[in-house]
Protein backbone atom coordinates (compact mmCIF):
# COMPACT_ATOMS: atom_id res chain seq x y z
CA UNK A 1 0.00 0.00 0.00
CA UNK A 2 1.28 3.47 -0.93
CA UNK A 3 1.04 6.12 1.77
CA UNK A 4 1.49 9.74 0.71
CA UNK A 5 2.37 12.51 3.14
CA UNK A 6 0.49 14.60 0.59
CA UNK A 7 -2.69 13.60 -1.19
CA UNK A 8 -2.49 13.01 -4.91
CA UNK A 9 -5.21 14.64 -6.98
CA UNK A 10 -6.30 11.60 -8.94
CA UNK A 11 -4.39 9.23 -11.20
CA UNK A 12 -1.73 10.41 -13.65
CA UNK A 13 -3.28 11.81 -16.82
CA UNK A 14 -1.85 12.34 -20.26
CA UNK A 15 -2.25 15.84 -21.68
CA UNK A 16 -2.54 17.23 -25.20
CA UNK A 17 1.21 17.27 -25.82
CA UNK A 18 1.87 13.74 -24.57
CA UNK A 19 3.16 14.76 -21.14
CA UNK A 20 1.86 13.01 -18.04
CA UNK A 21 0.71 15.00 -14.99
CA UNK A 22 -0.57 14.45 -11.47
CA UNK A 23 -1.33 16.81 -8.62
CA UNK A 24 -0.23 16.59 -5.00
CA UNK A 25 -1.55 18.59 -2.07
CA UNK A 26 -0.62 20.19 0.26
CA UNK A 27 2.74 20.78 -1.38
CA UNK A 28 5.59 21.85 0.85
CA UNK A 29 9.05 21.84 -0.71
CA UNK A 30 10.45 19.96 2.28
CA UNK A 31 8.15 17.04 1.32
CA UNK A 32 7.62 17.29 -2.43
CA UNK A 33 11.34 17.12 -3.29
CA UNK A 34 11.23 13.42 -2.36
CA UNK A 35 9.68 12.90 -5.81
CA UNK A 36 13.05 13.66 -7.47
CA UNK A 37 15.18 10.76 -8.63
CA UNK A 38 18.29 10.38 -6.42
CA UNK A 39 20.06 8.67 -9.34
CA UNK A 40 19.93 11.73 -11.63
CA UNK A 41 22.63 14.29 -10.97
CA UNK A 42 21.04 17.51 -12.22
CA UNK A 43 18.18 19.35 -10.53
CA UNK A 44 17.28 22.92 -11.47
CA UNK A 45 15.26 25.31 -9.32
CA UNK A 46 14.23 28.15 -11.62
CA UNK A 47 13.57 31.69 -10.42
CA UNK A 48 14.18 31.04 -6.74
CA UNK A 49 13.11 34.27 -5.09
CA UNK A 50 15.57 34.94 -2.27
CA UNK A 51 14.14 38.42 -1.65
CA UNK A 52 10.74 39.74 -2.63
CA UNK A 53 9.53 43.33 -3.11
CA UNK A 54 10.66 44.49 0.33
CA UNK A 55 14.09 46.00 0.79
CA UNK A 56 16.07 43.32 2.60
CA UNK A 57 19.68 43.29 3.80
CA UNK A 58 21.46 40.24 2.32
CA UNK A 59 25.04 39.22 1.71
CA UNK A 60 25.46 39.01 -2.07
CA UNK A 61 28.28 39.53 -4.57
CA UNK A 62 27.83 42.38 -7.04
CA UNK A 63 29.11 40.23 -9.91
CA UNK A 64 30.52 36.81 -10.63
CA UNK A 65 33.84 38.47 -11.51
CA UNK A 66 34.57 39.83 -8.07
CA UNK A 67 37.33 38.24 -6.01
CA UNK A 68 35.87 39.86 -2.91
CA UNK A 69 33.52 37.83 -0.73
CA UNK A 70 29.84 38.68 -0.74
CA UNK A 71 29.06 41.94 1.02
CA UNK A 72 25.91 42.91 2.82
CA UNK A 73 23.68 45.01 0.56
CA UNK A 74 20.06 46.10 0.79
CA UNK A 75 18.27 44.42 -2.12
CA UNK A 76 14.81 43.60 -3.43
CA UNK A 77 13.45 41.25 -6.08
CA UNK A 78 16.49 39.04 -6.00
CA UNK A 79 15.82 35.82 -7.87
CA UNK A 80 18.10 33.30 -9.51
CA UNK A 81 18.24 29.75 -10.81
CA UNK A 82 19.98 27.01 -8.82
CA UNK A 83 21.72 23.94 -10.24
CA UNK A 84 21.79 21.29 -7.53
CA UNK A 85 22.16 17.58 -6.94
CA UNK A 86 19.17 15.72 -5.46
CA UNK A 87 20.95 15.61 -2.07
CA UNK A 88 21.62 19.36 -2.16
CA UNK A 89 17.97 19.97 -3.05
CA UNK A 90 16.71 17.85 -0.15
CA UNK A 91 19.10 19.62 2.25
CA UNK A 92 18.10 23.08 0.98
CA UNK A 93 14.35 22.41 0.69
CA UNK A 94 13.37 23.59 4.20
CA UNK A 95 15.15 26.91 3.66
CA UNK A 96 13.84 27.27 0.09
CA UNK A 97 10.35 26.66 1.48
CA UNK A 98 10.64 29.61 3.89
CA UNK A 99 11.76 32.02 1.15
CA UNK A 100 9.06 34.51 0.12
CA UNK A 101 6.03 32.46 -1.02
CA UNK A 102 7.52 28.95 -0.72
CA UNK A 103 6.83 28.15 -4.35
CA UNK A 104 9.25 26.71 -6.88
CA UNK A 105 9.66 25.41 -10.40
CA UNK A 106 11.93 22.38 -10.09
CA UNK A 107 13.03 20.10 -12.90
CA UNK A 108 15.37 17.17 -13.15
CA UNK A 109 17.43 15.95 -16.07
CA UNK A 110 19.93 13.21 -16.79
CA UNK A 111 22.40 15.76 -18.15
CA UNK A 112 23.64 19.23 -17.32
CA UNK A 113 21.24 21.81 -18.76
CA UNK A 114 22.53 24.33 -21.30
CA UNK A 115 23.50 27.70 -19.80
CA UNK A 116 20.89 29.61 -21.81
CA UNK A 117 17.92 27.25 -21.35
CA UNK A 118 14.96 28.13 -19.12
CA UNK A 119 11.98 25.78 -18.89
CA UNK A 120 9.77 28.60 -17.55
CA UNK A 121 9.83 30.10 -21.05
CA UNK A 122 8.41 26.95 -22.65
CA UNK A 123 4.72 26.07 -22.78
CA UNK A 124 2.55 23.48 -24.55
CA UNK A 125 4.25 21.65 -27.40
CA UNK A 126 7.47 23.68 -26.92
CA UNK A 127 7.72 22.48 -23.32
CA UNK A 128 7.06 18.87 -24.34
CA UNK A 129 9.73 19.06 -27.06
CA UNK A 130 12.24 20.66 -24.67
CA UNK A 131 11.59 18.02 -22.01
CA UNK A 132 12.17 15.22 -24.49
CA UNK A 133 15.14 16.90 -26.19
CA UNK A 134 16.99 17.66 -22.93
CA UNK A 135 15.90 14.41 -21.24
CA UNK A 136 14.02 16.28 -18.51
CA UNK A 137 12.45 13.44 -16.56
CA UNK A 138 10.41 15.34 -13.99
CA UNK A 139 9.01 18.82 -13.47
CA UNK A 140 7.53 19.89 -10.13
CA UNK A 141 5.63 23.17 -10.10
CA UNK A 142 4.67 24.43 -6.63
CA UNK A 143 2.86 27.78 -7.01
CA UNK A 144 2.98 28.65 -3.29
CA UNK A 145 3.70 26.77 -0.08
CA UNK A 146 0.79 24.51 0.83
CA UNK A 147 -0.94 24.68 -2.55
CA UNK A 148 -1.37 21.95 -5.16
CA UNK A 149 1.87 20.94 -6.86
CA UNK A 150 1.74 19.72 -10.44
CA UNK A 151 4.17 16.92 -11.26
CA UNK A 152 4.87 16.41 -14.97
CA UNK A 153 6.90 13.73 -16.76
CA UNK A 154 7.33 12.71 -20.40
CA UNK A 155 6.10 9.15 -19.70
CA UNK A 156 3.57 7.59 -17.37
CA UNK A 157 6.24 5.24 -15.97
CA UNK A 158 8.51 8.15 -14.95
CA UNK A 159 5.60 9.93 -13.27
CA UNK A 160 4.49 6.80 -11.40
CA UNK A 161 8.05 6.29 -10.10
CA UNK A 162 8.13 9.92 -8.92
CA UNK A 163 4.83 9.43 -7.10
CA UNK A 164 6.18 6.24 -5.51
CA UNK A 165 9.25 8.12 -4.25
CA UNK A 166 6.93 10.78 -2.89
CA UNK A 167 4.98 8.06 -1.10
CA UNK A 168 8.08 6.80 0.67
CA UNK A 169 8.46 8.45 4.07
CA UNK A 170 11.41 10.84 4.12
């Protein structure tokens, strides 16, 4: 018997572009990241919002070219993409969950993603083609902490395995 710490919103369903989806609720990053495959090295968190619209003092570098360590600056709207391993994602998930709204767009691939690629820019058939072309095996979209997460995979088998990992207590 499969026991989920989150409820799944029905069985996996195939959409118009051949991708398979399922919902899970309530989605908290600290739980939902269990759906990622520990055997795949590359996990991307797109548009992580480390600081929202409020002015917030944070230690950040002013460029990647600086030899100086990060300095404390007052910033707002600071977001960036993260390239992590599954272990790094699981370790960082509780802190990522507390950032701004607790939402995330997470995707996992068998190979390092190209520097200029962003999945957030792809929708419909373009997203399906990008997932297949870059061997993206799982996408987890959590709009906000505690809301319904949408899990998407290019095949039903990959989605079912992700749901089984999610069902395994962390």
